[in-house]
Amino acid sequence: MRPAYIGTCLLLGALAPAGCGRPAVAPPRPAPAIVFGGEPLELAPARARLRALVLESQRKRVMGRLAVPRDVRRIVRELAPAVAFAAGQEAVAPALTAIARDQGVPVEEARRRWIALHEADLLLESGGDPEIVSPAGAVGVSQWMLGSARRAGMRIDAARSAALTRRIRAMVAEEARLAAGGEPAARLPAVRAELERLRAARRRADPRYDPPAAIAAQARYLLGLYGRFPGFDWILQAYHGGEAGVRRTLRRYLGAGWPGSTAAAIRRGLRGGRLSFEEVYFGATPRRHVAAFAYLYARLDDHRYYGWKVLSARDLIALYRRDPERFRREWEALMPGRTREACWYPRADHAALRNSAAVRGALASGDLAPVRSLPGLRVLPASQSRASSLAYAALRPPARGALYLTAALYRRAGGQGTLEVGDMAVPAFVADREPEGRPTRLPPGFEGALPGGGPPPDFDYHTTGLAFDLRPPVDATARRTLEYALGYLSDRGALWWRGIDDVRGRRYHVVPNPARGRALAAIDSPAGAPPTPGL
């Protein structure tokens, strides 16, 4: 089954019934541009269902990128043998034996599980690209930093690697020029041969660029962490966020119950049983395990979502192996290259309010509902959001319900001060003059239509009344509490949000999930929001 939110992207038109006698086919009525479903809000699901909802919320982030088919194909066809070989090294056998014992499975099953997670991590870290270098200087498929690679036993001639990299970059530029029709085109084979020679020399000087060597070293390093971080989830957290980061998280979560080591905390930290990262993720809130919550939400590296993204990546690689055609269909349904609101509202551009008269008409018909300042919620004047006075304090009812639900959860979680809501309904001609955020830059090969159709990449959803923006509180504690409220509702499939930085400053952009539109539309004030358990 496809995820529920993929289903909301597929809109069907209805045909008018045919008359009697001589057949006369009426023209089809166009499908409505915006459709809201009747699924209930799931704010208190069982843990298994909550886990599934969180994975679903991450699916778009992991699978909905333009490069995913290429990257997954590279993992499966080119890197999988190296990952399997790395998991068969003698050096990792003791760790896999211990993991199998702890999980109660045969060693081969523990190895299979590890291989699937290692492949997923490579997909997230580098897309399997052996040439990639991060802005921080992490290199290759495993994204090794120089110091970490040397500590892991990799012998690297950094000076020679840098010199070869400069020559390779010059040669890559020459190859691109000749391939595009530059003269003399006859040199292209020789340039490509020289490029491969230089890359082979760099792999010898710097094995971070050599996928089998880099992956083997990564497996030794990661599985070598098991003694101190006994669990695949904690190994990955330590790798992504640092061993010290895991130690700080656990110490803050357990407080006076800290047993003195990370291994003991993980093995006995949950009432004498195993403490998973999942338990910490759900258990650290603004009101419970507050020190751990403050630490996790203060990090800027997306750390708290990393384990969920690895699991999502593992599942999409398995889907590619099992059914490549279905993988392709689901990838296209996720509107790659666009944000999740495009998937949720694939015909939103047909619902844009073109001018102020259209906004007033939508208010009169009930398609838009006014939003007023309330205790704890202040509507910013239009002059403080858009530079134009032609922005309206109005939203479609499900979006207004999502706003009120967010405000209620923020207050219940201990949020102090007044939340400030800015952009809401904006006529399309205003948005055309003042585009939101930064323009979308498409990679080569996608200059035309994007897979899956949908609105243009730079479409402004404020022109439909579906989106609202919240201004982050100045106080750091209040800001973390608001991000918790938004994340809580996103995890449970009620809404989607992202942070935007542009000329209008920092803000949180929010849209409701159309599948739960009717339930959200029924919330007509923060006081009318349903209970939000788990705080």
Protein backbone atom coordinates (compact mmCIF):
# COMPACT_ATOMS: atom_id res chain seq x y z
CA MET A 1 0.00 0.00 0.00
CA ARG A 2 1.18 3.48 -0.72
CA PRO A 3 1.49 5.89 2.20
CA ALA A 4 -1.74 7.72 2.94
CA TYR A 5 -0.41 11.06 1.86
CA ILE A 6 0.51 9.67 -1.57
CA GLY A 7 -3.13 8.74 -1.98
CA THR A 8 -4.17 12.32 -1.33
CA CYS A 9 -2.11 13.36 -4.37
CA LEU A 10 -4.34 11.40 -6.79
CA LEU A 11 -7.51 13.33 -7.69
CA LEU A 12 -10.24 11.81 -9.87
CA GLY A 13 -12.73 13.76 -11.96
CA ALA A 14 -16.41 12.78 -11.99
CA LEU A 15 -18.35 12.25 -15.22
CA ALA A 16 -21.87 13.64 -15.64
CA PRO A 17 -24.47 10.87 -16.13
CA ALA A 18 -25.42 10.19 -19.75
CA GLY A 19 -28.98 10.92 -20.95
CA CYS A 20 -31.52 8.47 -22.42
CA GLY A 21 -32.17 7.73 -26.09
CA ARG A 22 -29.47 8.79 -28.47
CA PRO A 23 -26.20 8.76 -26.51
CA ALA A 24 -25.10 12.22 -25.56
CA VAL A 25 -21.93 12.42 -23.54
CA ALA A 26 -21.75 15.44 -21.28
CA PRO A 27 -18.32 17.03 -20.96
CA PRO A 28 -16.51 15.82 -17.86
CA ARG A 29 -16.64 18.09 -14.86
CA PRO A 30 -13.12 19.07 -13.83
CA ALA A 31 -11.94 17.64 -10.55
CA PRO A 32 -11.87 20.22 -7.77
CA ALA A 33 -8.46 21.75 -7.32
CA ILE A 34 -8.49 21.20 -3.55
CA VAL A 35 -9.93 18.06 -1.95
CA PHE A 36 -10.05 17.49 1.81
CA GLY A 37 -10.40 13.98 3.18
CA GLY A 38 -12.13 12.70 6.27
CA GLU A 39 -9.39 10.74 8.03
CA PRO A 40 -9.37 11.38 11.80
CA LEU A 41 -6.52 13.07 13.60
CA GLU A 42 -4.30 10.42 15.22
CA LEU A 43 -2.90 12.29 18.20
CA ALA A 44 -2.79 9.27 20.53
CA PRO A 45 -1.94 6.25 18.35
CA ALA A 46 -0.46 3.05 19.70
CA ARG A 47 3.33 2.95 19.58
CA ALA A 48 3.50 0.73 16.50
CA ARG A 49 1.15 3.05 14.63
CA LEU A 50 3.04 6.13 15.82
CA ARG A 51 6.29 4.59 14.59
CA ALA A 52 4.69 4.02 11.18
CA LEU A 53 3.39 7.59 11.06
CA VAL A 54 6.85 9.02 11.84
CA LEU A 55 8.43 6.90 9.10
CA GLU A 56 5.71 8.10 6.73
CA SER A 57 6.46 11.71 7.67
CA GLN A 58 10.12 11.20 6.69
CA ARG A 59 9.41 9.39 3.42
CA LYS A 60 9.12 12.53 1.33
CA ARG A 61 12.39 13.91 2.73
CA VAL A 62 14.25 10.72 1.86
CA MET A 63 12.55 9.45 -1.31
CA GLY A 64 11.20 12.66 -2.78
CA ARG A 65 14.49 13.99 -4.16
CA LEU A 66 15.21 14.22 -7.86
CA ALA A 67 18.43 12.21 -7.64
CA VAL A 68 16.99 9.27 -5.67
CA PRO A 69 16.55 6.81 -8.59
CA ARG A 70 20.14 7.36 -9.70
CA ASP A 71 21.48 7.14 -6.14
CA VAL A 72 19.55 4.02 -5.17
CA ARG A 73 20.57 2.33 -8.41
CA ARG A 74 24.20 3.14 -7.63
CA ILE A 75 23.90 1.70 -4.10
CA VAL A 76 22.29 -1.53 -5.33
CA ARG A 77 24.33 -2.12 -8.45
CA GLU A 78 27.75 -0.72 -7.56
CA LEU A 79 28.19 -0.55 -3.78
CA ALA A 80 26.18 -3.48 -2.44
CA PRO A 81 29.03 -6.00 -3.02
CA ALA A 82 31.44 -3.78 -1.08
CA VAL A 83 28.94 -3.42 1.78
CA ALA A 84 28.44 -7.20 1.93
CA PHE A 85 32.23 -7.78 1.85
CA ALA A 86 32.73 -5.22 4.63
CA ALA A 87 30.19 -7.04 6.82
CA GLY A 88 32.11 -10.28 6.29
CA GLN A 89 35.47 -9.00 7.54
CA GLU A 90 37.05 -10.95 10.35
CA ALA A 91 37.42 -7.71 12.32
CA VAL A 92 33.65 -7.22 12.61
CA ALA A 93 32.75 -10.82 13.46
CA PRO A 94 32.88 -10.36 17.28
CA ALA A 95 30.51 -7.38 17.13
CA LEU A 96 28.03 -9.18 14.88
CA THR A 97 28.15 -12.22 17.18
CA ALA A 98 27.35 -10.00 20.18
CA ILE A 99 24.57 -8.26 18.25
CA ALA A 100 23.04 -11.60 17.23
CA ARG A 101 23.11 -12.76 20.87
CA ASP A 102 21.48 -9.54 22.11
CA GLN A 103 18.80 -9.60 19.40
CA GLY A 104 18.15 -13.32 19.74
CA VAL A 105 18.77 -14.08 16.07
CA PRO A 106 21.36 -16.08 14.09
CA VAL A 107 24.56 -14.26 13.18
CA GLU A 108 23.65 -14.27 9.50
CA GLU A 109 20.37 -12.49 10.29
CA ALA A 110 22.24 -9.88 12.34
CA ARG A 111 24.63 -9.41 9.42
CA ARG A 112 21.72 -9.05 6.97
CA ARG A 113 20.11 -6.39 9.16
CA TRP A 114 23.40 -4.53 9.44
CA ILE A 115 24.01 -4.60 5.68
CA ALA A 116 20.57 -3.06 5.03
CA LEU A 117 21.25 -0.24 7.50
CA HIS A 118 24.77 0.37 6.16
CA GLU A 119 23.45 0.69 2.60
CA ALA A 120 20.79 3.13 3.85
CA ASP A 121 23.39 5.22 5.63
CA LEU A 122 25.50 5.43 2.46
CA LEU A 123 22.44 6.59 0.53
CA LEU A 124 21.82 9.39 3.01
CA GLU A 125 25.43 10.42 3.47
CA SER A 126 26.61 10.54 -0.13
CA GLY A 127 24.09 9.00 -2.51
CA GLY A 128 26.86 6.48 -3.20
CA ASP A 129 28.94 9.09 -5.07
CA PRO A 130 32.66 8.27 -4.67
CA GLU A 131 33.70 11.76 -5.80
CA ILE A 132 31.53 13.83 -3.47
CA VAL A 133 33.13 16.23 -0.98
CA SER A 134 30.95 17.98 1.60
CA PRO A 135 31.35 21.68 2.48
CA ALA A 136 33.01 20.52 5.72
CA GLY A 137 35.56 18.43 3.81
CA ALA A 138 34.04 14.97 4.29
CA VAL A 139 35.06 12.77 1.37
CA GLY A 140 33.60 9.94 -0.67
CA VAL A 141 30.80 7.42 -0.24
CA SER A 142 31.35 7.13 3.52
CA GLN A 143 31.99 10.87 4.05
CA TRP A 144 35.22 10.43 5.98
CA MET A 145 36.87 13.46 7.54
CA LEU A 146 40.66 13.35 7.31
CA GLY A 147 41.33 12.97 11.04
CA SER A 148 38.62 10.36 11.55
CA ALA A 149 39.84 8.36 8.57
CA ARG A 150 43.39 8.30 9.88
CA ARG A 151 42.20 7.23 13.33
CA ALA A 152 40.29 4.42 11.60
CA GLY A 153 43.57 3.16 10.11
CA MET A 154 43.39 4.64 6.61
CA ARG A 155 46.78 5.76 5.26
CA ILE A 156 46.26 9.06 3.47
CA ASP A 157 48.76 11.30 1.66
CA ALA A 158 46.74 14.50 2.07
CA ALA A 159 49.09 16.72 0.06
CA ARG A 160 49.14 14.38 -2.94
CA SER A 161 45.37 13.92 -2.69
CA ALA A 162 44.83 17.68 -2.80
CA ALA A 163 47.17 18.11 -5.77
CA LEU A 164 45.45 15.33 -7.70
CA THR A 165 42.03 16.78 -6.85
CA ARG A 166 43.01 20.13 -8.39
CA ARG A 167 44.10 18.38 -11.60
CA ILE A 168 40.95 16.25 -11.65
CA ARG A 169 38.72 19.32 -11.34
CA ALA A 170 40.48 20.99 -14.24
CA MET A 171 40.15 17.83 -16.31
CA VAL A 172 36.44 17.47 -15.45
CA ALA A 173 35.85 21.02 -16.69
CA GLU A 174 37.72 20.21 -19.90
CA GLU A 175 35.69 17.03 -20.39
CA ALA A 176 32.43 18.97 -19.98
CA ARG A 177 33.57 21.60 -22.49
CA LEU A 178 34.50 19.01 -25.11
CA ALA A 179 31.36 16.93 -24.50
CA ALA A 180 29.26 20.06 -25.09
CA GLY A 181 30.76 20.50 -28.57
CA GLY A 182 33.95 22.32 -27.74
CA GLU A 183 36.93 22.07 -30.05
CA PRO A 184 38.85 19.89 -30.66
CA ALA A 185 36.25 17.21 -29.89
CA ALA A 186 38.68 14.49 -30.98
CA ARG A 187 40.54 15.01 -27.68
CA LEU A 188 37.60 13.76 -25.61
CA PRO A 189 38.68 10.06 -25.37
CA ALA A 190 42.18 11.04 -24.30
CA VAL A 191 40.83 13.47 -21.70
CA ARG A 192 38.57 10.78 -20.26
CA ALA A 193 41.42 8.28 -20.12
CA GLU A 194 43.62 10.81 -18.31
CA LEU A 195 40.78 11.60 -15.93
CA GLU A 196 40.43 7.94 -14.97
CA ARG A 197 44.21 7.65 -14.53
CA LEU A 198 44.20 10.63 -12.15
CA ARG A 199 41.28 9.23 -10.18
CA ALA A 200 43.01 5.87 -9.81
CA ALA A 201 46.13 7.63 -8.55
CA ARG A 202 44.04 9.59 -6.04
CA ARG A 203 42.36 6.41 -4.77
CA ARG A 204 45.83 5.05 -4.00
CA ALA A 205 46.89 8.25 -2.25
CA ASP A 206 43.58 8.77 -0.44
CA PRO A 207 41.45 5.64 0.08
CA ARG A 208 38.51 7.79 1.18
CA TYR A 209 37.85 8.07 -2.59
CA ASP A 210 38.04 4.27 -2.99
CA PRO A 211 34.55 2.88 -2.17
CA PRO A 212 35.57 -0.68 -1.12
CA ALA A 213 38.32 0.61 1.17
CA ALA A 214 36.19 3.42 2.60
CA ILE A 215 33.20 1.15 3.22
CA ALA A 216 35.30 -1.56 4.83
CA ALA A 217 36.87 0.97 7.19
CA GLN A 218 33.44 2.43 7.98
CA ALA A 219 32.02 -1.00 8.87
CA ARG A 220 34.97 -1.66 11.20
CA TYR A 221 34.53 1.72 12.85
CA LEU A 222 30.75 1.56 13.25
CA LEU A 223 30.52 -2.02 14.47
CA GLY A 224 33.48 -1.34 16.72
CA LEU A 225 31.21 1.12 18.57
CA TYR A 226 28.86 -1.64 19.67
CA GLY A 227 30.58 -2.33 22.97
CA ARG A 228 29.96 1.25 24.11
CA PHE A 229 26.72 1.86 22.17
CA PRO A 230 24.96 -1.52 22.10
CA GLY A 231 22.30 -1.07 19.45
CA PHE A 232 22.14 -0.30 15.75
CA ASP A 233 20.10 2.83 16.56
CA TRP A 234 22.72 4.20 18.96
CA ILE A 235 25.63 3.27 16.67
CA LEU A 236 24.07 5.42 13.94
CA GLN A 237 23.35 8.26 16.36
CA ALA A 238 26.97 8.18 17.53
CA TYR A 239 28.21 8.18 13.95
CA HIS A 240 26.02 11.06 12.82
CA GLY A 241 25.99 13.21 15.94
CA GLY A 242 29.20 12.16 17.64
CA GLU A 243 29.93 9.78 20.49
CA ALA A 244 30.00 12.70 22.92
CA GLY A 245 26.60 13.78 21.64
CA VAL A 246 25.07 10.39 22.51
CA ARG A 247 26.67 10.50 25.94
CA ARG A 248 25.23 13.97 26.60
CA THR A 249 21.79 12.89 25.38
CA LEU A 250 21.70 9.85 27.64
CA ARG A 251 23.05 11.66 30.69
CA ARG A 252 20.46 14.41 30.33
CA TYR A 253 17.67 11.93 29.71
CA LEU A 254 18.45 9.75 32.73
CA GLY A 255 19.52 12.54 35.08
CA ALA A 256 20.12 11.14 38.55
CA GLY A 257 19.64 7.65 37.12
CA TRP A 258 22.80 7.87 35.01
CA PRO A 259 24.60 4.54 35.60
CA GLY A 260 28.08 5.75 34.70
CA SER A 261 28.51 4.57 31.10
CA THR A 262 26.65 4.74 27.80
CA ALA A 263 26.57 0.94 27.53
CA ALA A 264 24.89 0.58 30.92
CA ALA A 265 22.50 3.44 30.14
CA ILE A 266 21.39 1.76 26.91
CA ARG A 267 21.14 -1.76 28.35
CA ARG A 268 19.34 -0.84 31.61
CA GLY A 269 18.09 2.72 31.22
CA LEU A 270 14.40 1.94 30.67
CA ARG A 271 13.26 0.60 34.04
CA GLY A 272 16.06 -1.95 34.00
CA GLY A 273 15.58 -2.81 30.32
CA ARG A 274 16.95 -1.54 27.03
CA LEU A 275 16.62 2.18 26.33
CA SER A 276 16.18 2.75 22.58
CA PHE A 277 16.67 6.01 20.76
CA GLU A 278 13.01 5.78 19.80
CA GLU A 279 12.09 5.91 23.50
CA VAL A 280 14.26 9.00 23.96
CA TYR A 281 12.78 10.62 20.84
CA PHE A 282 9.21 10.23 22.09
CA GLY A 283 10.01 10.66 25.77
CA ALA A 284 11.98 13.93 25.68
CA THR A 285 9.40 16.73 25.67
CA PRO A 286 9.18 20.28 27.03
CA ARG A 287 7.65 18.80 30.20
CA ARG A 288 9.43 15.43 30.59
CA HIS A 289 13.18 14.77 30.47
CA VAL A 290 13.52 18.50 29.88
CA ALA A 291 17.33 18.60 29.81
CA ALA A 292 17.47 15.99 27.03
CA PHE A 293 14.71 17.80 25.14
CA ALA A 294 16.60 21.11 25.31
CA TYR A 295 19.80 19.45 24.08
CA LEU A 296 18.20 17.58 21.16
CA TYR A 297 16.19 20.58 19.98
CA ALA A 298 19.13 22.97 20.29
CA ARG A 299 21.15 20.98 17.72
CA LEU A 300 21.15 22.33 14.19
CA ASP A 301 22.15 19.13 12.35
CA ASP A 302 18.76 17.40 12.07
CA HIS A 303 20.18 14.90 14.52
CA ARG A 304 16.96 13.76 16.15
CA TYR A 305 15.52 12.64 12.79
CA TYR A 306 18.58 10.79 11.54
CA GLY A 307 17.62 7.32 12.74
CA TRP A 308 14.14 7.64 11.23
CA LYS A 309 15.64 8.72 7.91
CA VAL A 310 17.96 5.70 7.89
CA LEU A 311 14.99 3.37 8.41
CA SER A 312 13.08 5.12 5.63
CA ALA A 313 16.09 4.82 3.30
CA ARG A 314 16.42 1.13 4.16
CA ASP A 315 12.78 0.57 3.19
CA LEU A 316 13.02 2.42 -0.13
CA ILE A 317 16.15 0.45 -1.13
CA ALA A 318 14.26 -2.77 -0.34
CA LEU A 319 11.33 -1.55 -2.46
CA TYR A 320 13.67 -0.84 -5.39
CA ARG A 321 15.07 -4.37 -5.20
CA ARG A 322 11.63 -5.94 -4.86
CA ASP A 323 9.69 -3.93 -7.45
CA PRO A 324 11.56 -1.28 -9.47
CA GLU A 325 8.42 -0.19 -11.33
CA ARG A 326 6.49 0.42 -8.13
CA PHE A 327 9.51 2.28 -6.76
CA ARG A 328 9.38 4.56 -9.79
CA ARG A 329 5.64 5.17 -9.43
CA GLU A 330 5.93 6.04 -5.75
CA TRP A 331 8.88 8.30 -6.43
CA GLU A 332 6.91 10.22 -9.06
CA ALA A 333 3.86 10.43 -6.78
CA LEU A 334 6.06 12.17 -4.20
CA MET A 335 6.58 15.09 -6.62
CA PRO A 336 10.39 14.94 -6.62
CA GLY A 337 12.10 18.31 -6.64
CA ARG A 338 9.25 20.02 -4.81
CA THR A 339 8.10 20.35 -1.24
CA ARG A 340 5.50 18.07 0.34
CA GLU A 341 2.72 20.62 -0.14
CA ALA A 342 3.00 19.98 -3.90
CA CYS A 343 2.30 16.29 -3.29
CA TRP A 344 -0.58 17.05 -0.96
CA TYR A 345 -2.06 19.68 -3.29
CA PRO A 346 -1.01 18.74 -6.85
CA ARG A 347 -3.57 21.10 -8.44
CA ALA A 348 -3.11 23.99 -6.03
CA ASP A 349 -2.13 26.37 -8.82
CA HIS A 350 -5.70 25.99 -10.16
CA ALA A 351 -7.04 27.25 -6.82
CA ALA A 352 -4.90 30.39 -6.61
CA LEU A 353 -6.83 33.52 -5.64
CA ARG A 354 -5.87 35.86 -8.46
CA ASN A 355 -6.85 39.19 -6.94
CA SER A 356 -8.33 40.80 -3.85
CA ALA A 357 -11.86 40.39 -5.24
CA ALA A 358 -11.29 36.61 -5.39
CA VAL A 359 -10.16 36.64 -1.76
CA ARG A 360 -13.25 38.56 -0.67
CA GLY A 361 -15.44 36.17 -2.66
CA ALA A 362 -13.83 33.17 -0.95
CA LEU A 363 -14.47 34.77 2.43
CA ALA A 364 -18.11 35.33 1.54
CA SER A 365 -18.56 31.71 0.39
CA GLY A 366 -16.79 30.17 3.39
CA ASP A 367 -13.87 28.79 1.35
CA LEU A 368 -11.74 31.11 3.47
CA ALA A 369 -12.26 31.69 7.19
CA PRO A 370 -11.09 34.81 9.02
CA VAL A 371 -8.27 34.49 11.55
CA ARG A 372 -8.32 36.95 14.42
CA SER A 373 -5.94 37.70 17.24
CA LEU A 374 -6.76 35.68 20.35
CA PRO A 375 -5.14 35.34 23.78
CA GLY A 376 -1.71 33.86 23.05
CA LEU A 377 -2.02 34.30 19.27
CA ARG A 378 -1.41 37.60 17.49
CA VAL A 379 -2.10 38.22 13.83
CA LEU A 380 0.61 40.47 12.43
CA PRO A 381 -0.51 43.42 10.33
CA ALA A 382 0.02 42.88 6.61
CA SER A 383 2.74 45.53 6.60
CA GLN A 384 4.79 43.27 8.91
CA SER A 385 4.43 40.17 6.73
CA ARG A 386 4.12 41.01 3.07
CA ALA A 387 5.26 44.46 2.06
CA SER A 388 1.80 44.92 0.61
CA SER A 389 -1.47 45.66 2.39
CA LEU A 390 -3.14 43.12 0.07
CA ALA A 391 -2.52 40.21 2.43
CA TYR A 392 -5.54 38.90 4.30
CA ALA A 393 -5.94 37.46 7.81
CA ALA A 394 -7.80 34.46 6.44
CA LEU A 395 -7.17 30.77 5.74
CA ARG A 396 -9.02 27.80 4.39
CA PRO A 397 -10.76 26.14 7.38
CA PRO A 398 -8.35 23.14 7.60
CA ALA A 399 -5.37 25.50 7.60
CA ARG A 400 -7.00 27.63 10.28
CA GLY A 401 -7.65 24.47 12.31
CA ALA A 402 -3.98 23.49 11.96
CA LEU A 403 -3.00 26.94 13.23
CA TYR A 404 -5.29 26.69 16.25
CA LEU A 405 -4.12 23.14 16.99
CA THR A 406 -0.49 24.27 16.86
CA ALA A 407 -1.21 27.19 19.18
CA ALA A 408 -3.03 24.92 21.63
CA LEU A 409 -0.23 22.35 21.72
CA TYR A 410 2.40 25.07 22.12
CA ARG A 411 0.57 26.39 25.18
CA ARG A 412 -0.04 22.90 26.63
CA ALA A 413 3.68 22.13 26.22
CA GLY A 414 4.52 25.14 28.37
CA GLY A 415 5.13 27.67 25.62
CA GLN A 416 5.26 31.21 26.98
CA GLY A 417 4.48 34.46 25.27
CA THR A 418 2.32 35.17 22.26
CA LEU A 419 2.70 33.34 18.96
CA GLU A 420 2.81 35.66 15.97
CA VAL A 421 1.22 34.53 12.70
CA GLY A 422 2.12 36.38 9.52
CA ASP A 423 1.38 35.51 5.90
CA MET A 424 -1.96 33.85 5.24
CA ALA A 425 -4.15 34.48 2.18
CA VAL A 426 -2.22 36.45 -0.45
CA PRO A 427 -3.56 37.27 -3.94
CA ALA A 428 -1.54 35.68 -6.71
CA PHE A 429 -0.49 38.97 -8.29
CA VAL A 430 1.12 40.01 -5.00
CA ALA A 431 2.99 36.71 -4.79
CA ASP A 432 4.19 37.14 -8.37
CA ARG A 433 5.69 40.46 -7.41
CA GLU A 434 7.19 39.17 -4.15
CA PRO A 435 8.18 35.49 -4.60
CA GLU A 436 8.50 33.46 -1.43
CA GLY A 437 11.89 32.18 -0.30
CA ARG A 438 14.72 31.46 -2.65
CA PRO A 439 14.09 30.41 -6.26
CA THR A 440 14.22 26.69 -6.93
CA ARG A 441 17.38 25.58 -8.74
CA LEU A 442 16.91 22.41 -10.72
CA PRO A 443 19.79 20.05 -11.52
CA PRO A 444 20.85 19.41 -15.12
CA GLY A 445 18.31 17.34 -17.00
CA PHE A 446 15.28 18.79 -15.22
CA GLU A 447 15.02 22.20 -16.84
CA GLY A 448 11.57 21.35 -18.19
CA ALA A 449 8.66 19.57 -16.53
CA LEU A 450 9.40 17.79 -13.27
CA PRO A 451 8.40 14.14 -12.70
CA GLY A 452 4.85 13.76 -11.43
CA GLY A 453 3.51 17.07 -12.74
CA GLY A 454 2.09 19.44 -10.16
CA PRO A 455 2.45 23.17 -9.56
CA PRO A 456 5.55 25.07 -10.67
CA PRO A 457 8.48 24.69 -8.26
CA ASP A 458 8.19 28.34 -7.17
CA PHE A 459 4.41 28.31 -6.68
CA ASP A 460 3.33 30.28 -3.58
CA TYR A 461 0.74 28.32 -1.58
CA HIS A 462 -0.28 31.46 0.29
CA THR A 463 -2.25 32.37 -2.84
CA THR A 464 -4.66 29.51 -2.04
CA GLY A 465 -5.18 30.22 1.66
CA LEU A 466 -3.65 26.82 2.48
CA ALA A 467 -0.47 28.09 4.14
CA PHE A 468 0.39 30.24 7.12
CA ASP A 469 3.69 31.43 8.54
CA LEU A 470 4.64 31.64 12.20
CA ARG A 471 7.38 33.93 13.42
CA PRO A 472 9.86 32.05 15.67
CA PRO A 473 9.82 33.33 19.26
CA VAL A 474 12.91 35.27 20.28
CA ASP A 475 13.30 33.28 23.50
CA ALA A 476 15.22 30.05 22.82
CA THR A 477 13.06 27.90 25.13
CA ALA A 478 9.86 29.17 23.54
CA ARG A 479 11.32 28.59 20.07
CA ARG A 480 12.20 24.98 20.90
CA THR A 481 8.71 24.45 22.33
CA LEU A 482 7.11 25.73 19.12
CA GLU A 483 9.34 23.45 17.04
CA TYR A 484 8.32 20.57 19.29
CA ALA A 485 4.63 21.39 18.71
CA LEU A 486 5.11 21.51 14.95
CA GLY A 487 7.18 18.31 14.96
CA TYR A 488 4.64 16.52 17.16
CA LEU A 489 1.85 17.32 14.69
CA SER A 490 4.01 16.54 11.66
CA ASP A 491 4.98 13.15 13.16
CA ARG A 492 1.29 12.35 13.51
CA GLY A 493 0.39 13.39 9.97
CA ALA A 494 -1.63 16.49 10.83
CA LEU A 495 0.54 19.03 9.00
CA TRP A 496 3.87 19.72 7.34
CA TRP A 497 6.25 22.56 8.12
CA ARG A 498 9.64 23.91 7.21
CA GLY A 499 11.84 26.83 8.21
CA ILE A 500 12.41 29.58 5.65
CA ASP A 501 15.03 32.33 5.69
CA ASP A 502 14.72 35.16 3.18
CA VAL A 503 14.37 38.93 2.97
CA ARG A 504 11.37 38.79 5.31
CA GLY A 505 13.43 37.03 7.97
CA ARG A 506 13.13 33.64 9.63
CA ARG A 507 9.69 32.00 9.73
CA TYR A 508 8.00 28.61 9.95
CA HIS A 509 5.85 27.82 6.91
CA VAL A 510 2.96 25.43 7.64
CA VAL A 511 0.30 23.63 5.57
CA PRO A 512 -2.38 21.13 6.71
CA ASN A 513 -2.56 17.51 5.56
CA PRO A 514 -5.55 17.32 3.18
CA ALA A 515 -6.29 13.72 4.23
CA ARG A 516 -7.25 15.09 7.66
CA GLY A 517 -8.81 18.28 6.32
CA ARG A 518 -12.30 17.77 7.71
CA ALA A 519 -11.05 16.96 11.20
CA LEU A 520 -8.82 20.05 11.15
CA ALA A 521 -11.62 22.24 9.81
CA ALA A 522 -13.72 21.35 12.84
CA ILE A 523 -11.21 23.09 15.16
CA ASP A 524 -12.53 26.64 15.33
CA SER A 525 -10.38 27.95 18.21
CA PRO A 526 -7.34 26.89 20.25
CA ALA A 527 -9.70 26.05 23.11
CA GLY A 528 -11.55 23.64 20.80
CA ALA A 529 -8.42 21.67 19.90
CA PRO A 530 -8.55 17.95 20.80
CA PRO A 531 -6.32 16.51 23.54
CA THR A 532 -2.63 16.16 22.66
CA PRO A 533 -1.29 13.37 24.90
CA GLY A 534 2.32 12.37 25.34
CA LEU A 535 3.69 15.56 26.84
